[in-house]
Amino acid sequence: MTKRQHFRPVYAKTRGASWRRRLSWLFILLLIAGLIWGGLQWVQQRRAAVVAGFNVRGIAVTQNDGYLDFAALENDGLKFVYLKATQGASYTDDDFSSNYSRVLGTNLGVGVSHVFSFSSSGKAQAAYFEKVVGHNIGNLPIAIQVQYYGDYTSDTVNVKRAQTQLRTMVLKLTNHYDRNCVIWSTPSVANKIVKPVIKQSPLWLNTTNTHHRDKRVIFMHYSNRAVYRQNGTSQEFSGIIFNGNNDAYQTLVSAGLN
């Protein structure tokens, strides 16, 4: 007697395969979601670690940041703000005068910054800064930002000339205003251009390696995406931290008021 064979309907096999595919895709999607979530958590923890322990925080602003409500920014925890004023020997930030006038209505510490040019003399840049800024230099050290740009790279910039002109500008502004200049750069630019000729002026570094820095480093630019609220909306800024506690910061401000 021939044994009867039992066959599963074709639709049953198809349905089983379909469920297996769905479960496989679900597993893959859950795995991807887990990786994304874990990555975001790592980024958040990393960002928090960069600023952990630094309670005196500020921002650096230019005309690109638009109209700013400095009182609202102060209420959101800011302690100080740096306003871009000039660049080279011929460029003025369009919003400098307006920003400076309005920030004086707050209790924020105020600094003024200049972007150094490799193509203009230090004497000409200092004279232009003095002409544009006048005595509106706030109560923090004058910032001079030294960075590569355009055709001026680590390989092409004339280091000796840049050092000479930077030193000239620092000396002229320091003597004219009786105020320290803080030199803002990356660690590599600081080592190559700044430190060999600027021995005493404080430093401001672009870095996320914020902890255990030498006390000569008084500011650190840690992010271009520091978020603060104004006018009911969040906005990203160049985030700055002061390398010290509130007492040290108040001492720095007091020196600028004398």
C-alpha atoms as a PDB file:
ATOM      1  CA  MET A   1       0.000   0.000   0.000  1.00  0.00           C
ATOM      2  CA  THR A   2       1.468   3.328  -1.085  1.00  0.00           C
ATOM      3  CA  LYS A   3       1.963   5.854   1.739  1.00  0.00           C
ATOM      4  CA  ARG A   4       0.008   9.019   1.209  1.00  0.00           C
ATOM      5  CA  GLN A   5       2.136  12.163   0.952  1.00  0.00           C
ATOM      6  CA  HIS A   6       1.051  15.439   2.512  1.00  0.00           C
ATOM      7  CA  PHE A   7       2.018  18.680   0.773  1.00  0.00           C
ATOM      8  CA  ARG A   8       1.738  22.171   2.298  1.00  0.00           C
ATOM      9  CA  PRO A   9      -0.159  24.563   0.088  1.00  0.00           C
ATOM     10  CA  VAL A  10       2.085  26.911  -1.911  1.00  0.00           C
ATOM     11  CA  TYR A  11       0.513  29.961  -0.275  1.00  0.00           C
ATOM     12  CA  ALA A  12       1.552  28.674   3.163  1.00  0.00           C
ATOM     13  CA  LYS A  13       5.224  28.500   2.108  1.00  0.00           C
ATOM     14  CA  THR A  14       5.006  31.978   0.590  1.00  0.00           C
ATOM     15  CA  ARG A  15       3.400  33.391   3.717  1.00  0.00           C
ATOM     16  CA  GLY A  16       6.096  31.883   5.935  1.00  0.00           C
ATOM     17  CA  ALA A  17       8.870  33.286   3.769  1.00  0.00           C
ATOM     18  CA  SER A  18       7.210  36.693   3.827  1.00  0.00           C
ATOM     19  CA  TRP A  19       7.112  36.757   7.619  1.00  0.00           C
ATOM     20  CA  ARG A  20      10.752  35.738   7.830  1.00  0.00           C
ATOM     21  CA  ARG A  21      11.706  38.604   5.511  1.00  0.00           C
ATOM     22  CA  ARG A  22       9.667  41.024   7.582  1.00  0.00           C
ATOM     23  CA  LEU A  23      11.302  39.878  10.800  1.00  0.00           C
ATOM     24  CA  SER A  24      14.731  40.195   9.195  1.00  0.00           C
ATOM     25  CA  TRP A  25      14.032  43.771   8.070  1.00  0.00           C
ATOM     26  CA  LEU A  26      12.604  44.622  11.489  1.00  0.00           C
ATOM     27  CA  PHE A  27      15.751  43.314  13.142  1.00  0.00           C
ATOM     28  CA  ILE A  28      17.941  45.339  10.778  1.00  0.00           C
ATOM     29  CA  LEU A  29      15.897  48.506  11.373  1.00  0.00           C
ATOM     30  CA  LEU A  30      16.057  48.029  15.144  1.00  0.00           C
ATOM     31  CA  LEU A  31      19.810  47.495  14.916  1.00  0.00           C
ATOM     32  CA  ILE A  32      20.258  50.678  12.860  1.00  0.00           C
ATOM     33  CA  ALA A  33      18.045  52.660  15.246  1.00  0.00           C
ATOM     34  CA  GLY A  34      20.085  51.371  18.183  1.00  0.00           C
ATOM     35  CA  LEU A  35      23.348  52.367  16.537  1.00  0.00           C
ATOM     36  CA  ILE A  36      22.013  55.852  15.738  1.00  0.00           C
ATOM     37  CA  TRP A  37      20.706  56.301  19.287  1.00  0.00           C
ATOM     38  CA  GLY A  38      23.995  55.124  20.736  1.00  0.00           C
ATOM     39  CA  GLY A  39      25.921  57.457  18.451  1.00  0.00           C
ATOM     40  CA  LEU A  40      23.789  60.429  19.441  1.00  0.00           C
ATOM     41  CA  GLN A  41      24.247  59.588  23.117  1.00  0.00           C
ATOM     42  CA  TRP A  42      28.010  59.421  22.615  1.00  0.00           C
ATOM     43  CA  VAL A  43      28.021  62.811  20.856  1.00  0.00           C
ATOM     44  CA  GLN A  44      25.932  64.376  23.633  1.00  0.00           C
ATOM     45  CA  GLN A  45      28.205  62.941  26.298  1.00  0.00           C
ATOM     46  CA  ARG A  46      31.275  64.131  24.419  1.00  0.00           C
ATOM     47  CA  ARG A  47      29.881  67.654  24.083  1.00  0.00           C
ATOM     48  CA  ALA A  48      28.981  67.714  27.762  1.00  0.00           C
ATOM     49  CA  ALA A  49      32.467  66.510  28.720  1.00  0.00           C
ATOM     50  CA  VAL A  50      34.126  69.298  26.706  1.00  0.00           C
ATOM     51  CA  VAL A  51      32.458  72.045  28.758  1.00  0.00           C
ATOM     52  CA  ALA A  52      32.118  70.177  32.065  1.00  0.00           C
ATOM     53  CA  GLY A  53      33.496  72.249  34.923  1.00  0.00           C
ATOM     54  CA  PHE A  54      33.641  75.458  32.877  1.00  0.00           C
ATOM     55  CA  ASN A  55      30.846  77.655  34.195  1.00  0.00           C
ATOM     56  CA  VAL A  56      31.865  80.957  32.612  1.00  0.00           C
ATOM     57  CA  ARG A  57      30.668  80.707  29.019  1.00  0.00           C
ATOM     58  CA  GLY A  58      30.327  83.157  26.182  1.00  0.00           C
ATOM     59  CA  ILE A  59      30.029  83.509  22.424  1.00  0.00           C
ATOM     60  CA  ALA A  60      31.868  85.244  19.589  1.00  0.00           C
ATOM     61  CA  VAL A  61      29.585  86.993  17.102  1.00  0.00           C
ATOM     62  CA  THR A  62      29.795  88.646  13.694  1.00  0.00           C
ATOM     63  CA  GLN A  63      27.336  90.289  11.325  1.00  0.00           C
ATOM     64  CA  ASN A  64      26.472  86.792  10.081  1.00  0.00           C
ATOM     65  CA  ASP A  65      24.652  86.111  13.357  1.00  0.00           C
ATOM     66  CA  GLY A  66      22.027  88.754  12.601  1.00  0.00           C
ATOM     67  CA  TYR A  67      20.202  90.936  15.112  1.00  0.00           C
ATOM     68  CA  LEU A  68      20.885  89.759  18.654  1.00  0.00           C
ATOM     69  CA  ASP A  69      18.905  90.215  21.849  1.00  0.00           C
ATOM     70  CA  PHE A  70      21.788  90.372  24.304  1.00  0.00           C
ATOM     71  CA  ALA A  71      19.536  90.607  27.356  1.00  0.00           C
ATOM     72  CA  ALA A  72      17.827  87.349  26.358  1.00  0.00           C
ATOM     73  CA  LEU A  73      21.185  85.690  25.785  1.00  0.00           C
ATOM     74  CA  GLU A  74      22.330  86.835  29.211  1.00  0.00           C
ATOM     75  CA  ASN A  75      19.184  85.352  30.733  1.00  0.00           C
ATOM     76  CA  ASP A  76      20.017  82.051  29.032  1.00  0.00           C
ATOM     77  CA  GLY A  77      23.285  81.805  30.932  1.00  0.00           C
ATOM     78  CA  LEU A  78      25.854  83.754  28.934  1.00  0.00           C
ATOM     79  CA  LYS A  79      28.538  85.610  30.856  1.00  0.00           C
ATOM     80  CA  PHE A  80      30.387  87.398  28.055  1.00  0.00           C
ATOM     81  CA  VAL A  81      30.370  88.136  24.335  1.00  0.00           C
ATOM     82  CA  TYR A  82      33.093  89.006  21.832  1.00  0.00           C
ATOM     83  CA  LEU A  83      32.085  91.285  18.950  1.00  0.00           C
ATOM     84  CA  LYS A  84      33.961  91.207  15.667  1.00  0.00           C
ATOM     85  CA  ALA A  85      35.013  94.739  14.772  1.00  0.00           C
ATOM     86  CA  THR A  86      37.607  94.717  12.002  1.00  0.00           C
ATOM     87  CA  GLN A  87      39.598  92.556   9.626  1.00  0.00           C
ATOM     88  CA  GLY A  88      42.873  93.498   8.007  1.00  0.00           C
ATOM     89  CA  ALA A  89      43.327  97.193   7.282  1.00  0.00           C
ATOM     90  CA  SER A  90      40.085  97.941   5.449  1.00  0.00           C
ATOM     91  CA  TYR A  91      37.142  95.763   6.553  1.00  0.00           C
ATOM     92  CA  THR A  92      34.598  96.612   9.249  1.00  0.00           C
ATOM     93  CA  ASP A  93      31.906  94.274  10.536  1.00  0.00           C
ATOM     94  CA  ASP A  94      28.592  95.889   9.563  1.00  0.00           C
ATOM     95  CA  ASP A  95      26.947  95.205  12.933  1.00  0.00           C
ATOM     96  CA  PHE A  96      29.795  96.132  15.250  1.00  0.00           C
ATOM     97  CA  SER A  97      28.597  99.611  16.256  1.00  0.00           C
ATOM     98  CA  SER A  98      24.997  98.490  16.724  1.00  0.00           C
ATOM     99  CA  ASN A  99      25.989  95.390  18.684  1.00  0.00           C
ATOM    100  CA  TYR A 100      28.329  97.357  20.917  1.00  0.00           C
ATOM    101  CA  SER A 101      25.717  99.993  21.740  1.00  0.00           C
ATOM    102  CA  ARG A 102      23.078  97.401  22.629  1.00  0.00           C
ATOM    103  CA  VAL A 103      25.268  95.023  24.612  1.00  0.00           C
ATOM    104  CA  LEU A 104      26.155  97.844  27.010  1.00  0.00           C
ATOM    105  CA  GLY A 105      22.588  97.634  28.300  1.00  0.00           C
ATOM    106  CA  THR A 106      23.370  94.244  29.856  1.00  0.00           C
ATOM    107  CA  ASN A 107      25.729  92.892  32.495  1.00  0.00           C
ATOM    108  CA  LEU A 108      27.605  90.795  29.959  1.00  0.00           C
ATOM    109  CA  GLY A 109      31.349  91.042  29.757  1.00  0.00           C
ATOM    110  CA  VAL A 110      32.310  92.599  26.411  1.00  0.00           C
ATOM    111  CA  GLY A 111      35.318  92.003  24.203  1.00  0.00           C
ATOM    112  CA  VAL A 112      36.200  93.225  20.724  1.00  0.00           C
ATOM    113  CA  SER A 113      37.970  91.126  18.095  1.00  0.00           C
ATOM    114  CA  HIS A 114      40.070  91.747  14.996  1.00  0.00           C
ATOM    115  CA  VAL A 115      40.911  89.215  12.271  1.00  0.00           C
ATOM    116  CA  PHE A 116      44.594  89.438  11.386  1.00  0.00           C
ATOM    117  CA  SER A 117      45.600  89.758   7.725  1.00  0.00           C
ATOM    118  CA  PHE A 118      48.810  88.267   6.332  1.00  0.00           C
ATOM    119  CA  SER A 119      48.802  90.799   3.496  1.00  0.00           C
ATOM    120  CA  SER A 120      48.644  94.034   5.540  1.00  0.00           C
ATOM    121  CA  SER A 121      51.225  95.469   7.885  1.00  0.00           C
ATOM    122  CA  GLY A 122      50.706  95.252  11.607  1.00  0.00           C
ATOM    123  CA  LYS A 123      51.009  99.026  11.842  1.00  0.00           C
ATOM    124  CA  ALA A 124      48.249  99.593   9.276  1.00  0.00           C
ATOM    125  CA  GLN A 125      45.960  97.056  10.934  1.00  0.00           C
ATOM    126  CA  ALA A 126      46.435  98.583  14.370  1.00  0.00           C
ATOM    127  CA  ALA A 127      45.725 102.073  12.998  1.00  0.00           C
ATOM    128  CA  TYR A 128      42.561 100.874  11.276  1.00  0.00           C
ATOM    129  CA  PHE A 129      41.353  99.109  14.420  1.00  0.00           C
ATOM    130  CA  GLU A 130      41.911 102.272  16.479  1.00  0.00           C
ATOM    131  CA  LYS A 131      40.067 104.362  13.875  1.00  0.00           C
ATOM    132  CA  VAL A 132      37.007 102.088  13.724  1.00  0.00           C
ATOM    133  CA  VAL A 133      36.758 101.016  17.351  1.00  0.00           C
ATOM    134  CA  GLY A 134      37.886 104.179  19.087  1.00  0.00           C
ATOM    135  CA  HIS A 135      37.589 103.600  22.824  1.00  0.00           C
ATOM    136  CA  ASN A 136      34.777 101.036  22.501  1.00  0.00           C
ATOM    137  CA  ILE A 137      36.876  98.073  23.538  1.00  0.00           C
ATOM    138  CA  GLY A 138      34.688  96.750  26.356  1.00  0.00           C
ATOM    139  CA  ASN A 139      36.174  95.267  29.517  1.00  0.00           C
ATOM    140  CA  LEU A 140      37.904  92.126  28.229  1.00  0.00           C
ATOM    141  CA  PRO A 141      41.260  91.698  26.443  1.00  0.00           C
ATOM    142  CA  ILE A 142      41.341  92.751  22.779  1.00  0.00           C
ATOM    143  CA  ALA A 143      41.213  89.591  20.655  1.00  0.00           C
ATOM    144  CA  ILE A 144      43.366  89.185  17.546  1.00  0.00           C
ATOM    145  CA  GLN A 145      42.357  86.150  15.523  1.00  0.00           C
ATOM    146  CA  VAL A 146      45.150  84.550  13.502  1.00  0.00           C
ATOM    147  CA  GLN A 147      44.001  81.920  11.030  1.00  0.00           C
ATOM    148  CA  TYR A 148      44.916  80.634   7.594  1.00  0.00           C
ATOM    149  CA  TYR A 149      42.654  81.737   4.762  1.00  0.00           C
ATOM    150  CA  GLY A 150      42.525  81.729   0.964  1.00  0.00           C
ATOM    151  CA  ASP A 151      45.985  81.161  -0.492  1.00  0.00           C
ATOM    152  CA  TYR A 152      47.595  81.587   2.920  1.00  0.00           C
ATOM    153  CA  THR A 153      48.138  78.083   4.245  1.00  0.00           C
ATOM    154  CA  SER A 154      50.581  76.419   6.579  1.00  0.00           C
ATOM    155  CA  ASP A 155      52.793  75.737   3.549  1.00  0.00           C
ATOM    156  CA  THR A 156      52.577  79.137   1.849  1.00  0.00           C
ATOM    157  CA  VAL A 157      52.421  81.772   4.579  1.00  0.00           C
ATOM    158  CA  ASN A 158      55.614  83.746   5.184  1.00  0.00           C
ATOM    159  CA  VAL A 159      56.077  82.867   8.839  1.00  0.00           C
ATOM    160  CA  LYS A 160      58.784  85.411   9.641  1.00  0.00           C
ATOM    161  CA  ARG A 161      56.819  88.271   8.100  1.00  0.00           C
ATOM    162  CA  ALA A 162      53.601  87.174   9.812  1.00  0.00           C
ATOM    163  CA  GLN A 163      55.364  87.004  13.167  1.00  0.00           C
ATOM    164  CA  THR A 164      56.891  90.445  12.730  1.00  0.00           C
ATOM    165  CA  GLN A 165      53.623  92.087  11.712  1.00  0.00           C
ATOM    166  CA  LEU A 166      51.614  90.323  14.432  1.00  0.00           C
ATOM    167  CA  ARG A 167      54.097  91.396  17.094  1.00  0.00           C
ATOM    168  CA  THR A 168      53.952  94.969  15.804  1.00  0.00           C
ATOM    169  CA  MET A 169      50.170  95.031  15.993  1.00  0.00           C
ATOM    170  CA  VAL A 170      50.057  93.516  19.483  1.00  0.00           C
ATOM    171  CA  LEU A 171      52.566  96.042  20.819  1.00  0.00           C
ATOM    172  CA  LYS A 172      50.796  99.006  19.237  1.00  0.00           C
ATOM    173  CA  LEU A 173      47.346  98.056  20.536  1.00  0.00           C
ATOM    174  CA  THR A 174      48.665  97.126  23.980  1.00  0.00           C
ATOM    175  CA  ASN A 175      50.434 100.471  24.324  1.00  0.00           C
ATOM    176  CA  HIS A 176      47.595 102.516  22.825  1.00  0.00           C
ATOM    177  CA  TYR A 177      44.839 101.066  25.004  1.00  0.00           C
ATOM    178  CA  ASP A 178      46.880  99.925  28.000  1.00  0.00           C
ATOM    179  CA  ARG A 179      45.021  96.643  27.615  1.00  0.00           C
ATOM    180  CA  ASN A 180      46.209  93.102  27.012  1.00  0.00           C
ATOM    181  CA  CYS A 181      45.625  91.434  23.667  1.00  0.00           C
ATOM    182  CA  VAL A 182      44.584  87.781  23.581  1.00  0.00           C
ATOM    183  CA  ILE A 183      45.732  85.879  20.491  1.00  0.00           C
ATOM    184  CA  TRP A 184      43.049  83.575  19.060  1.00  0.00           C
ATOM    185  CA  SER A 185      44.233  80.670  16.893  1.00  0.00           C
ATOM    186  CA  THR A 186      44.413  76.925  16.532  1.00  0.00           C
ATOM    187  CA  PRO A 187      47.060  75.124  18.601  1.00  0.00           C
ATOM    188  CA  SER A 188      49.140  74.523  15.453  1.00  0.00           C
ATOM    189  CA  VAL A 189      49.068  78.209  14.430  1.00  0.00           C
ATOM    190  CA  ALA A 190      49.892  79.188  17.998  1.00  0.00           C
ATOM    191  CA  ASN A 191      52.951  76.923  17.992  1.00  0.00           C
ATOM    192  CA  LYS A 192      54.145  77.977  14.538  1.00  0.00           C
ATOM    193  CA  ILE A 193      53.416  81.703  14.399  1.00  0.00           C
ATOM    194  CA  VAL A 194      52.312  83.097  17.745  1.00  0.00           C
ATOM    195  CA  LYS A 195      54.348  81.614  20.591  1.00  0.00           C
ATOM    196  CA  PRO A 196      57.828  82.135  19.100  1.00  0.00           C
ATOM    197  CA  VAL A 197      57.390  85.936  19.137  1.00  0.00           C
ATOM    198  CA  ILE A 198      54.468  86.634  21.508  1.00  0.00           C
ATOM    199  CA  LYS A 199      55.839  85.544  24.858  1.00  0.00           C
ATOM    200  CA  GLN A 200      53.492  87.139  27.392  1.00  0.00           C
ATOM    201  CA  SER A 201      50.080  87.810  25.847  1.00  0.00           C
ATOM    202  CA  PRO A 202      47.319  85.366  26.821  1.00  0.00           C
ATOM    203  CA  LEU A 203      46.070  82.798  24.321  1.00  0.00           C
ATOM    204  CA  TRP A 204      42.674  81.749  22.986  1.00  0.00           C
ATOM    205  CA  LEU A 205      42.614  78.332  21.314  1.00  0.00           C
ATOM    206  CA  ASN A 206      40.237  76.561  18.958  1.00  0.00           C
ATOM    207  CA  THR A 207      40.031  73.180  20.663  1.00  0.00           C
ATOM    208  CA  THR A 208      37.775  70.536  22.159  1.00  0.00           C
ATOM    209  CA  ASN A 209      40.657  69.356  24.332  1.00  0.00           C
ATOM    210  CA  THR A 210      39.649  71.825  26.999  1.00  0.00           C
ATOM    211  CA  HIS A 211      40.832  70.292  30.248  1.00  0.00           C
ATOM    212  CA  HIS A 212      44.234  70.700  31.920  1.00  0.00           C
ATOM    213  CA  ARG A 213      45.247  73.646  29.753  1.00  0.00           C
ATOM    214  CA  ASP A 214      48.020  75.994  30.787  1.00  0.00           C
ATOM    215  CA  LYS A 215      46.800  79.132  32.553  1.00  0.00           C
ATOM    216  CA  ARG A 216      48.142  81.235  29.703  1.00  0.00           C
ATOM    217  CA  VAL A 217      45.170  79.905  27.728  1.00  0.00           C
ATOM    218  CA  ILE A 218      42.319  82.041  29.025  1.00  0.00           C
ATOM    219  CA  PHE A 219      39.659  81.286  26.383  1.00  0.00           C
ATOM    220  CA  MET A 220      38.783  78.243  24.300  1.00  0.00           C
ATOM    221  CA  HIS A 221      36.538  78.129  21.263  1.00  0.00           C
ATOM    222  CA  TYR A 222      35.035  74.669  21.638  1.00  0.00           C
ATOM    223  CA  SER A 223      32.161  74.599  19.134  1.00  0.00           C
ATOM    224  CA  ASN A 224      30.471  76.426  16.256  1.00  0.00           C
ATOM    225  CA  ARG A 225      27.156  74.958  17.365  1.00  0.00           C
ATOM    226  CA  ALA A 226      26.715  76.202  20.901  1.00  0.00           C
ATOM    227  CA  VAL A 227      22.966  76.749  21.309  1.00  0.00           C
ATOM    228  CA  TYR A 228      21.425  79.688  23.159  1.00  0.00           C
ATOM    229  CA  ARG A 229      17.919  81.074  23.107  1.00  0.00           C
ATOM    230  CA  GLN A 230      16.758  84.565  22.190  1.00  0.00           C
ATOM    231  CA  ASN A 231      13.385  85.887  21.134  1.00  0.00           C
ATOM    232  CA  GLY A 232      11.827  82.503  21.839  1.00  0.00           C
ATOM    233  CA  THR A 233      14.042  80.644  19.347  1.00  0.00           C
ATOM    234  CA  SER A 234      17.272  78.671  19.560  1.00  0.00           C
ATOM    235  CA  GLN A 235      20.331  79.786  17.620  1.00  0.00           C
ATOM    236  CA  GLU A 236      23.783  78.307  17.124  1.00  0.00           C
ATOM    237  CA  PHE A 237      26.855  80.394  17.939  1.00  0.00           C
ATOM    238  CA  SER A 238      30.618  80.117  18.211  1.00  0.00           C
ATOM    239  CA  GLY A 239      30.809  78.880  21.779  1.00  0.00           C
ATOM    240  CA  ILE A 240      33.593  80.137  24.056  1.00  0.00           C
ATOM    241  CA  ILE A 241      34.568  79.056  27.556  1.00  0.00           C
ATOM    242  CA  PHE A 242      36.755  80.878  30.049  1.00  0.00           C
ATOM    243  CA  ASN A 243      39.577  78.755  31.441  1.00  0.00           C
ATOM    244  CA  GLY A 244      38.974  79.482  35.092  1.00  0.00           C
ATOM    245  CA  ASN A 245      36.364  79.929  37.795  1.00  0.00           C
ATOM    246  CA  ASN A 246      34.049  82.881  38.301  1.00  0.00           C
ATOM    247  CA  ASP A 247      36.453  84.641  40.686  1.00  0.00           C
ATOM    248  CA  ALA A 248      39.228  84.523  38.083  1.00  0.00           C
ATOM    249  CA  TYR A 249      36.824  85.819  35.472  1.00  0.00           C
ATOM    250  CA  GLN A 250      35.787  88.746  37.687  1.00  0.00           C
ATOM    251  CA  THR A 251      39.452  89.564  38.178  1.00  0.00           C
ATOM    252  CA  LEU A 252      39.920  89.634  34.400  1.00  0.00           C
ATOM    253  CA  VAL A 253      36.916  91.945  33.985  1.00  0.00           C
ATOM    254  CA  SER A 254      38.104  94.223  36.788  1.00  0.00           C
ATOM    255  CA  ALA A 255      41.498  94.604  35.084  1.00  0.00           C
ATOM    256  CA  GLY A 256      39.681  95.816  31.968  1.00  0.00           C
ATOM    257  CA  LEU A 257      37.745  98.416  33.953  1.00  0.00           C
ATOM    258  CA  ASN A 258      40.850 100.040  35.408  1.00  0.00           C
END
